Amino acid sequence: MVDNQQNIKKEISVVIDDSLLKHIHEKLKEQHTDDNPEDVITSFLEIILNNSDYPLAAKKTGEKEIKISYNLHSFSMPFFD
């Protein structure tokens, strides 16, 4: 029996509030950097997800894209009890 679930990809949108974009943009401007605020936020999200207690792995795959997958760690909390 072939498990077709492995190849199913779903997309979930994350909406970033203007207040966060504005804050990041201002801080980047203070540092005199040309980094894209959306790219910086995507990197932050990748770090947060990878360092959570949940069995997740996050990999930035584009300027505004993160691939999230299941990755069990010895310290992982279950999603459901």
PDB file of N, CA and C in Angstrom:
ATOM      1  N   MET A   1       0.840  -1.181   0.000  1.00  0.00           N
ATOM      2  CA  MET A   1       0.000   0.000   0.000  1.00  0.00           C
ATOM      3  C   MET A   1       0.890   1.251   0.000  1.00  0.00           C
ATOM      4  N   VAL A   2       0.618   2.160  -0.896  1.00  0.00           N
ATOM      5  CA  VAL A   2       1.406   3.381  -1.025  1.00  0.00           C
ATOM      6  C   VAL A   2       0.813   4.464  -0.135  1.00  0.00           C
ATOM      7  N   ASP A   3       1.669   5.119   0.625  1.00  0.00           N
ATOM      8  CA  ASP A   3       1.231   6.208   1.501  1.00  0.00           C
ATOM      9  C   ASP A   3       1.331   7.523   0.740  1.00  0.00           C
ATOM     10  N   ASN A   4       0.206   8.016   0.252  1.00  0.00           N
ATOM     11  CA  ASN A   4       0.188   9.260  -0.513  1.00  0.00           C
ATOM     12  C   ASN A   4       0.236  10.493   0.373  1.00  0.00           C
ATOM     13  N   GLN A   5       0.113  10.345   1.681  1.00  0.00           N
ATOM     14  CA  GLN A   5       0.117  11.478   2.599  1.00  0.00           C
ATOM     15  C   GLN A   5       1.465  12.192   2.595  1.00  0.00           C
ATOM     16  N   GLN A   6       2.557  11.495   2.298  1.00  0.00           N
ATOM     17  CA  GLN A   6       3.882  12.101   2.336  1.00  0.00           C
ATOM     18  C   GLN A   6       4.025  13.237   1.330  1.00  0.00           C
ATOM     19  N   ASN A   7       3.344  13.155   0.219  1.00  0.00           N
ATOM     20  CA  ASN A   7       3.524  14.130  -0.846  1.00  0.00           C
ATOM     21  C   ASN A   7       2.510  15.267  -0.811  1.00  0.00           C
ATOM     22  N   ILE A   8       1.623  15.262   0.154  1.00  0.00           N
ATOM     23  CA  ILE A   8       0.619  16.318   0.246  1.00  0.00           C
ATOM     24  C   ILE A   8       1.239  17.536   0.914  1.00  0.00           C
ATOM     25  N   LYS A   9       1.139  18.683   0.241  1.00  0.00           N
ATOM     26  CA  LYS A   9       1.660  19.928   0.803  1.00  0.00           C
ATOM     27  C   LYS A   9       0.494  20.880   0.981  1.00  0.00           C
ATOM     28  N   LYS A  10       0.441  21.507   2.124  1.00  0.00           N
ATOM     29  CA  LYS A  10      -0.602  22.479   2.431  1.00  0.00           C
ATOM     30  C   LYS A  10       0.048  23.815   2.705  1.00  0.00           C
ATOM     31  N   GLU A  11      -0.658  24.866   2.382  1.00  0.00           N
ATOM     32  CA  GLU A  11      -0.160  26.199   2.664  1.00  0.00           C
ATOM     33  C   GLU A  11      -1.027  26.862   3.714  1.00  0.00           C
ATOM     34  N   ILE A  12      -0.375  27.543   4.639  1.00  0.00           N
ATOM     35  CA  ILE A  12      -1.041  28.316   5.672  1.00  0.00           C
ATOM     36  C   ILE A  12      -0.453  29.716   5.617  1.00  0.00           C
ATOM     37  N   SER A  13      -1.288  30.704   5.585  1.00  0.00           N
ATOM     38  CA  SER A  13      -0.808  32.084   5.547  1.00  0.00           C
ATOM     39  C   SER A  13      -0.581  32.610   6.951  1.00  0.00           C
ATOM     40  N   VAL A  14       0.468  33.367   7.097  1.00  0.00           N
ATOM     41  CA  VAL A  14       0.739  34.091   8.330  1.00  0.00           C
ATOM     42  C   VAL A  14       0.685  35.566   7.967  1.00  0.00           C
ATOM     43  N   VAL A  15      -0.193  36.300   8.614  1.00  0.00           N
ATOM     44  CA  VAL A  15      -0.355  37.713   8.316  1.00  0.00           C
ATOM     45  C   VAL A  15       0.455  38.516   9.319  1.00  0.00           C
ATOM     46  N   ILE A  16       1.364  39.329   8.814  1.00  0.00           N
ATOM     47  CA  ILE A  16       2.226  40.151   9.654  1.00  0.00           C
ATOM     48  C   ILE A  16       1.594  41.532   9.778  1.00  0.00           C
ATOM     49  N   ASP A  17       1.358  41.936  10.993  1.00  0.00           N
ATOM     50  CA  ASP A  17       0.747  43.233  11.260  1.00  0.00           C
ATOM     51  C   ASP A  17       1.695  44.363  10.841  1.00  0.00           C
ATOM     52  N   ASP A  18       1.103  45.460  10.381  1.00  0.00           N
ATOM     53  CA  ASP A  18       1.905  46.607   9.961  1.00  0.00           C
ATOM     54  C   ASP A  18       2.805  47.142  11.067  1.00  0.00           C
ATOM     55  N   SER A  19       2.379  47.006  12.319  1.00  0.00           N
ATOM     56  CA  SER A  19       3.197  47.519  13.420  1.00  0.00           C
ATOM     57  C   SER A  19       4.540  46.792  13.503  1.00  0.00           C
ATOM     58  N   LEU A  20       4.541  45.484  13.254  1.00  0.00           N
ATOM     59  CA  LEU A  20       5.796  44.723  13.272  1.00  0.00           C
ATOM     60  C   LEU A  20       6.653  45.089  12.064  1.00  0.00           C
ATOM     61  N   LEU A  21       6.035  45.182  10.905  1.00  0.00           N
ATOM     62  CA  LEU A  21       6.791  45.576   9.713  1.00  0.00           C
ATOM     63  C   LEU A  21       7.426  46.947   9.890  1.00  0.00           C
ATOM     64  N   LYS A  22       6.655  47.875  10.447  1.00  0.00           N
ATOM     65  CA  LYS A  22       7.164  49.225  10.661  1.00  0.00           C
ATOM     66  C   LYS A  22       8.341  49.212  11.643  1.00  0.00           C
ATOM     67  N   HIS A  23       8.191  48.473  12.733  1.00  0.00           N
ATOM     68  CA  HIS A  23       9.253  48.384  13.739  1.00  0.00           C
ATOM     69  C   HIS A  23      10.534  47.807  13.129  1.00  0.00           C
ATOM     70  N   ILE A  24      10.417  46.697  12.417  1.00  0.00           N
ATOM     71  CA  ILE A  24      11.593  46.068  11.810  1.00  0.00           C
ATOM     72  C   ILE A  24      12.223  47.017  10.789  1.00  0.00           C
ATOM     73  N   HIS A  25      11.394  47.648   9.983  1.00  0.00           N
ATOM     74  CA  HIS A  25      11.899  48.587   8.979  1.00  0.00           C
ATOM     75  C   HIS A  25      12.685  49.721   9.642  1.00  0.00           C
ATOM     76  N   GLU A  26      12.142  50.275  10.716  1.00  0.00           N
ATOM     77  CA  GLU A  26      12.829  51.367  11.427  1.00  0.00           C
ATOM     78  C   GLU A  26      14.161  50.907  12.008  1.00  0.00           C
ATOM     79  N   LYS A  27      14.174  49.724  12.599  1.00  0.00           N
ATOM     80  CA  LYS A  27      15.418  49.220  13.194  1.00  0.00           C
ATOM     81  C   LYS A  27      16.467  48.931  12.123  1.00  0.00           C
ATOM     82  N   LEU A  28      16.029  48.406  10.982  1.00  0.00           N
ATOM     83  CA  LEU A  28      16.975  48.161   9.892  1.00  0.00           C
ATOM     84  C   LEU A  28      17.540  49.471   9.367  1.00  0.00           C
ATOM     85  N   LYS A  29      16.687  50.488   9.290  1.00  0.00           N
ATOM     86  CA  LYS A  29      17.119  51.811   8.836  1.00  0.00           C
ATOM     87  C   LYS A  29      18.150  52.403   9.804  1.00  0.00           C
ATOM     88  N   GLU A  30      17.929  52.222  11.123  1.00  0.00           N
ATOM     89  CA  GLU A  30      18.873  52.703  12.132  1.00  0.00           C
ATOM     90  C   GLU A  30      20.239  52.013  11.986  1.00  0.00           C
ATOM     91  N   GLN A  31      20.210  50.758  11.544  1.00  0.00           N
ATOM     92  CA  GLN A  31      21.450  50.007  11.373  1.00  0.00           C
ATOM     93  C   GLN A  31      22.064  50.216   9.986  1.00  0.00           C
ATOM     94  N   HIS A  32      21.431  51.066   9.187  1.00  0.00           N
ATOM     95  CA  HIS A  32      21.916  51.376   7.839  1.00  0.00           C
ATOM     96  C   HIS A  32      22.084  50.122   6.989  1.00  0.00           C
ATOM     97  N   THR A  33      21.095  49.254   7.047  1.00  0.00           N
ATOM     98  CA  THR A  33      21.127  48.034   6.251  1.00  0.00           C
ATOM     99  C   THR A  33      19.978  48.046   5.248  1.00  0.00           C
ATOM    100  N   ASP A  34      20.188  47.398   4.147  1.00  0.00           N
ATOM    101  CA  ASP A  34      19.176  47.324   3.097  1.00  0.00           C
ATOM    102  C   ASP A  34      18.372  46.029   3.160  1.00  0.00           C
ATOM    103  N   ASP A  35      18.461  45.301   4.276  1.00  0.00           N
ATOM    104  CA  ASP A  35      17.716  44.044   4.397  1.00  0.00           C
ATOM    105  C   ASP A  35      16.218  44.287   4.242  1.00  0.00           C
ATOM    106  N   ASN A  36      15.555  43.304   3.677  1.00  0.00           N
ATOM    107  CA  ASN A  36      14.117  43.360   3.474  1.00  0.00           C
ATOM    108  C   ASN A  36      13.420  42.977   4.788  1.00  0.00           C
ATOM    109  N   PRO A  37      12.507  43.803   5.300  1.00  0.00           N
ATOM    110  CA  PRO A  37      11.823  43.480   6.562  1.00  0.00           C
ATOM    111  C   PRO A  37      11.107  42.124   6.532  1.00  0.00           C
ATOM    112  N   GLU A  38      10.495  41.779   5.404  1.00  0.00           N
ATOM    113  CA  GLU A  38       9.808  40.491   5.303  1.00  0.00           C
ATOM    114  C   GLU A  38      10.793  39.335   5.419  1.00  0.00           C
ATOM    115  N   ASP A  39      11.976  39.499   4.841  1.00  0.00           N
ATOM    116  CA  ASP A  39      13.006  38.469   4.916  1.00  0.00           C
ATOM    117  C   ASP A  39      13.498  38.309   6.355  1.00  0.00           C
ATOM    118  N   VAL A  40      13.658  39.432   7.052  1.00  0.00           N
ATOM    119  CA  VAL A  40      14.100  39.394   8.452  1.00  0.00           C
ATOM    120  C   VAL A  40      13.056  38.687   9.314  1.00  0.00           C
ATOM    121  N   ILE A  41      11.787  39.001   9.114  1.00  0.00           N
ATOM    122  CA  ILE A  41      10.714  38.367   9.893  1.00  0.00           C
ATOM    123  C   ILE A  41      10.650  36.872   9.598  1.00  0.00           C
ATOM    124  N   THR A  42      10.836  36.495   8.347  1.00  0.00           N
ATOM    125  CA  THR A  42      10.845  35.073   7.982  1.00  0.00           C
ATOM    126  C   THR A  42      11.982  34.352   8.697  1.00  0.00           C
ATOM    127  N   SER A  43      13.143  34.972   8.763  1.00  0.00           N
ATOM    128  CA  SER A  43      14.280  34.372   9.477  1.00  0.00           C
ATOM    129  C   SER A  43      13.983  34.232  10.971  1.00  0.00           C
ATOM    130  N   PHE A  44      13.369  35.261  11.560  1.00  0.00           N
ATOM    131  CA  PHE A  44      12.981  35.182  12.978  1.00  0.00           C
ATOM    132  C   PHE A  44      12.023  34.022  13.222  1.00  0.00           C
ATOM    133  N   LEU A  45      11.030  33.880  12.351  1.00  0.00           N
ATOM    134  CA  LEU A  45      10.061  32.795  12.509  1.00  0.00           C
ATOM    135  C   LEU A  45      10.726  31.433  12.393  1.00  0.00           C
ATOM    136  N   GLU A  46      11.662  31.317  11.482  1.00  0.00           N
ATOM    137  CA  GLU A  46      12.393  30.058  11.335  1.00  0.00           C
ATOM    138  C   GLU A  46      13.117  29.713  12.640  1.00  0.00           C
ATOM    139  N   ILE A  47      13.780  30.686  13.225  1.00  0.00           N
ATOM    140  CA  ILE A  47      14.510  30.470  14.474  1.00  0.00           C
ATOM    141  C   ILE A  47      13.559  30.090  15.608  1.00  0.00           C
ATOM    142  N   ILE A  48      12.467  30.812  15.728  1.00  0.00           N
ATOM    143  CA  ILE A  48      11.489  30.536  16.790  1.00  0.00           C
ATOM    144  C   ILE A  48      10.923  29.134  16.659  1.00  0.00           C
ATOM    145  N   LEU A  49      10.519  28.749  15.462  1.00  0.00           N
ATOM    146  CA  LEU A  49       9.941  27.423  15.259  1.00  0.00           C
ATOM    147  C   LEU A  49      10.956  26.314  15.510  1.00  0.00           C
ATOM    148  N   ASN A  50      12.181  26.503  15.066  1.00  0.00           N
ATOM    149  CA  ASN A  50      13.209  25.478  15.267  1.00  0.00           C
ATOM    150  C   ASN A  50      13.584  25.319  16.735  1.00  0.00           C
ATOM    151  N   ASN A  51      13.404  26.351  17.522  1.00  0.00           N
ATOM    152  CA  ASN A  51      13.789  26.299  18.927  1.00  0.00           C
ATOM    153  C   ASN A  51      12.609  26.115  19.869  1.00  0.00           C
ATOM    154  N   SER A  52      11.476  25.740  19.318  1.00  0.00           N
ATOM    155  CA  SER A  52      10.316  25.493  20.172  1.00  0.00           C
ATOM    156  C   SER A  52      10.435  24.110  20.808  1.00  0.00           C
ATOM    157  N   ASP A  53       9.589  23.842  21.775  1.00  0.00           N
ATOM    158  CA  ASP A  53       9.571  22.539  22.438  1.00  0.00           C
ATOM    159  C   ASP A  53       8.751  21.513  21.667  1.00  0.00           C
ATOM    160  N   TYR A  54       8.177  21.923  20.563  1.00  0.00           N
ATOM    161  CA  TYR A  54       7.343  21.015  19.776  1.00  0.00           C
ATOM    162  C   TYR A  54       8.181  20.269  18.741  1.00  0.00           C
ATOM    163  N   PRO A  55       7.675  19.139  18.274  1.00  0.00           N
ATOM    164  CA  PRO A  55       8.430  18.341  17.297  1.00  0.00           C
ATOM    165  C   PRO A  55       8.346  18.948  15.899  1.00  0.00           C
ATOM    166  N   LEU A  56       9.010  20.077  15.730  1.00  0.00           N
ATOM    167  CA  LEU A  56       8.979  20.806  14.466  1.00  0.00           C
ATOM    168  C   LEU A  56      10.385  21.042  13.936  1.00  0.00           C
ATOM    169  N   ALA A  57      10.463  21.131  12.631  1.00  0.00           N
ATOM    170  CA  ALA A  57      11.667  21.610  11.962  1.00  0.00           C
ATOM    171  C   ALA A  57      11.214  22.673  10.976  1.00  0.00           C
ATOM    172  N   ALA A  58      11.893  23.790  10.940  1.00  0.00           N
ATOM    173  CA  ALA A  58      11.551  24.873  10.026  1.00  0.00           C
ATOM    174  C   ALA A  58      12.766  25.197   9.179  1.00  0.00           C
ATOM    175  N   LYS A  59      12.529  25.346   7.886  1.00  0.00           N
ATOM    176  CA  LYS A  59      13.617  25.687   6.967  1.00  0.00           C
ATOM    177  C   LYS A  59      13.143  26.803   6.052  1.00  0.00           C
ATOM    178  N   LYS A  60      13.874  27.878   6.065  1.00  0.00           N
ATOM    179  CA  LYS A  60      13.548  29.002   5.197  1.00  0.00           C
ATOM    180  C   LYS A  60      13.825  28.587   3.758  1.00  0.00           C
ATOM    181  N   THR A  61      12.815  28.673   2.910  1.00  0.00           N
ATOM    182  CA  THR A  61      12.973  28.246   1.525  1.00  0.00           C
ATOM    183  C   THR A  61      12.855  29.406   0.539  1.00  0.00           C
ATOM    184  N   GLY A  62      12.607  30.586   1.054  1.00  0.00           N
ATOM    185  CA  GLY A  62      12.497  31.765   0.211  1.00  0.00           C
ATOM    186  C   GLY A  62      12.441  33.001   1.073  1.00  0.00           C
ATOM    187  N   GLU A  63      12.394  34.148   0.424  1.00  0.00           N
ATOM    188  CA  GLU A  63      12.389  35.412   1.158  1.00  0.00           C
ATOM    189  C   GLU A  63      11.197  35.518   2.103  1.00  0.00           C
ATOM    190  N   LYS A  64      10.061  34.942   1.689  1.00  0.00           N
ATOM    191  CA  LYS A  64       8.847  34.985   2.516  1.00  0.00           C
ATOM    192  C   LYS A  64       8.259  33.596   2.678  1.00  0.00           C
ATOM    193  N   GLU A  65       9.104  32.578   2.750  1.00  0.00           N
ATOM    194  CA  GLU A  65       8.586  31.206   2.790  1.00  0.00           C
ATOM    195  C   GLU A  65       9.394  30.350   3.750  1.00  0.00           C
ATOM    196  N   ILE A  66       8.669  29.563   4.550  1.00  0.00           N
ATOM    197  CA  ILE A  66       9.275  28.612   5.482  1.00  0.00           C
ATOM    198  C   ILE A  66       8.590  27.273   5.282  1.00  0.00           C
ATOM    199  N   LYS A  67       9.380  26.229   5.173  1.00  0.00           N
ATOM    200  CA  LYS A  67       8.836  24.872   5.112  1.00  0.00           C
ATOM    201  C   LYS A  67       8.885  24.307   6.535  1.00  0.00           C
ATOM    202  N   ILE A  68       7.737  23.871   7.037  1.00  0.00           N
ATOM    203  CA  ILE A  68       7.643  23.320   8.392  1.00  0.00           C
ATOM    204  C   ILE A  68       7.357  21.825   8.276  1.00  0.00           C
ATOM    205  N   SER A  69       8.120  21.038   9.006  1.00  0.00           N
ATOM    206  CA  SER A  69       7.918  19.597   8.972  1.00  0.00           C
ATOM    207  C   SER A  69       7.970  19.024  10.386  1.00  0.00           C
ATOM    208  N   TYR A  70       7.519  17.799  10.500  1.00  0.00           N
ATOM    209  CA  TYR A  70       7.542  17.082  11.763  1.00  0.00           C
ATOM    210  C   TYR A  70       8.959  16.583  12.007  1.00  0.00           C
ATOM    211  N   ASN A  71       9.488  16.843  13.193  1.00  0.00           N
ATOM    212  CA  ASN A  71      10.828  16.396  13.547  1.00  0.00           C
ATOM    213  C   ASN A  71      10.864  16.141  15.049  1.00  0.00           C
ATOM    214  N   LEU A  72      10.774  14.898  15.441  1.00  0.00           N
ATOM    215  CA  LEU A  72      10.736  14.525  16.848  1.00  0.00           C
ATOM    216  C   LEU A  72      12.107  14.676  17.486  1.00  0.00           C
ATOM    217  N   HIS A  73      12.141  15.368  18.610  1.00  0.00           N
ATOM    218  CA  HIS A  73      13.363  15.532  19.406  1.00  0.00           C
ATOM    219  C   HIS A  73      13.153  14.806  20.737  1.00  0.00           C
ATOM    220  N   SER A  74      14.216  14.502  21.429  1.00  0.00           N
ATOM    221  CA  SER A  74      14.086  13.824  22.721  1.00  0.00           C
ATOM    222  C   SER A  74      13.351  14.692  23.738  1.00  0.00           C
ATOM    223  N   PHE A  75      13.383  16.015  23.558  1.00  0.00           N
ATOM    224  CA  PHE A  75      12.744  16.934  24.498  1.00  0.00           C
ATOM    225  C   PHE A  75      11.369  17.412  24.014  1.00  0.00           C
ATOM    226  N   SER A  76      10.891  16.895  22.895  1.00  0.00           N
ATOM    227  CA  SER A  76       9.646  17.403  22.300  1.00  0.00           C
ATOM    228  C   SER A  76       8.430  17.169  23.166  1.00  0.00           C
ATOM    229  N   MET A  77       7.601  18.199  23.216  1.00  0.00           N
ATOM    230  CA  MET A  77       6.289  18.080  23.848  1.00  0.00           C
ATOM    231  C   MET A  77       5.328  17.544  22.789  1.00  0.00           C
ATOM    232  N   PRO A  78       4.398  16.686  23.184  1.00  0.00           N
ATOM    233  CA  PRO A  78       3.440  16.202  22.192  1.00  0.00           C
ATOM    234  C   PRO A  78       2.475  17.316  21.773  1.00  0.00           C
ATOM    235  N   PHE A  79       2.001  17.234  20.550  1.00  0.00           N
ATOM    236  CA  PHE A  79       0.985  18.182  20.093  1.00  0.00           C
ATOM    237  C   PHE A  79      -0.329  17.946  20.836  1.00  0.00           C
ATOM    238  N   PHE A  80      -0.629  16.678  21.077  1.00  0.00           N
ATOM    239  CA  PHE A  80      -1.869  16.296  21.750  1.00  0.00           C
ATOM    240  C   PHE A  80      -1.555  15.353  22.908  1.00  0.00           C
ATOM    241  N   ASP A  81      -2.266  15.510  23.973  1.00  0.00           N
ATOM    242  CA  ASP A  81      -2.097  14.577  25.114  1.00  0.00           C
ATOM    243  C   ASP A  81      -3.091  13.449  25.021  1.00  0.00           C
TER     244      ASP A  81
END
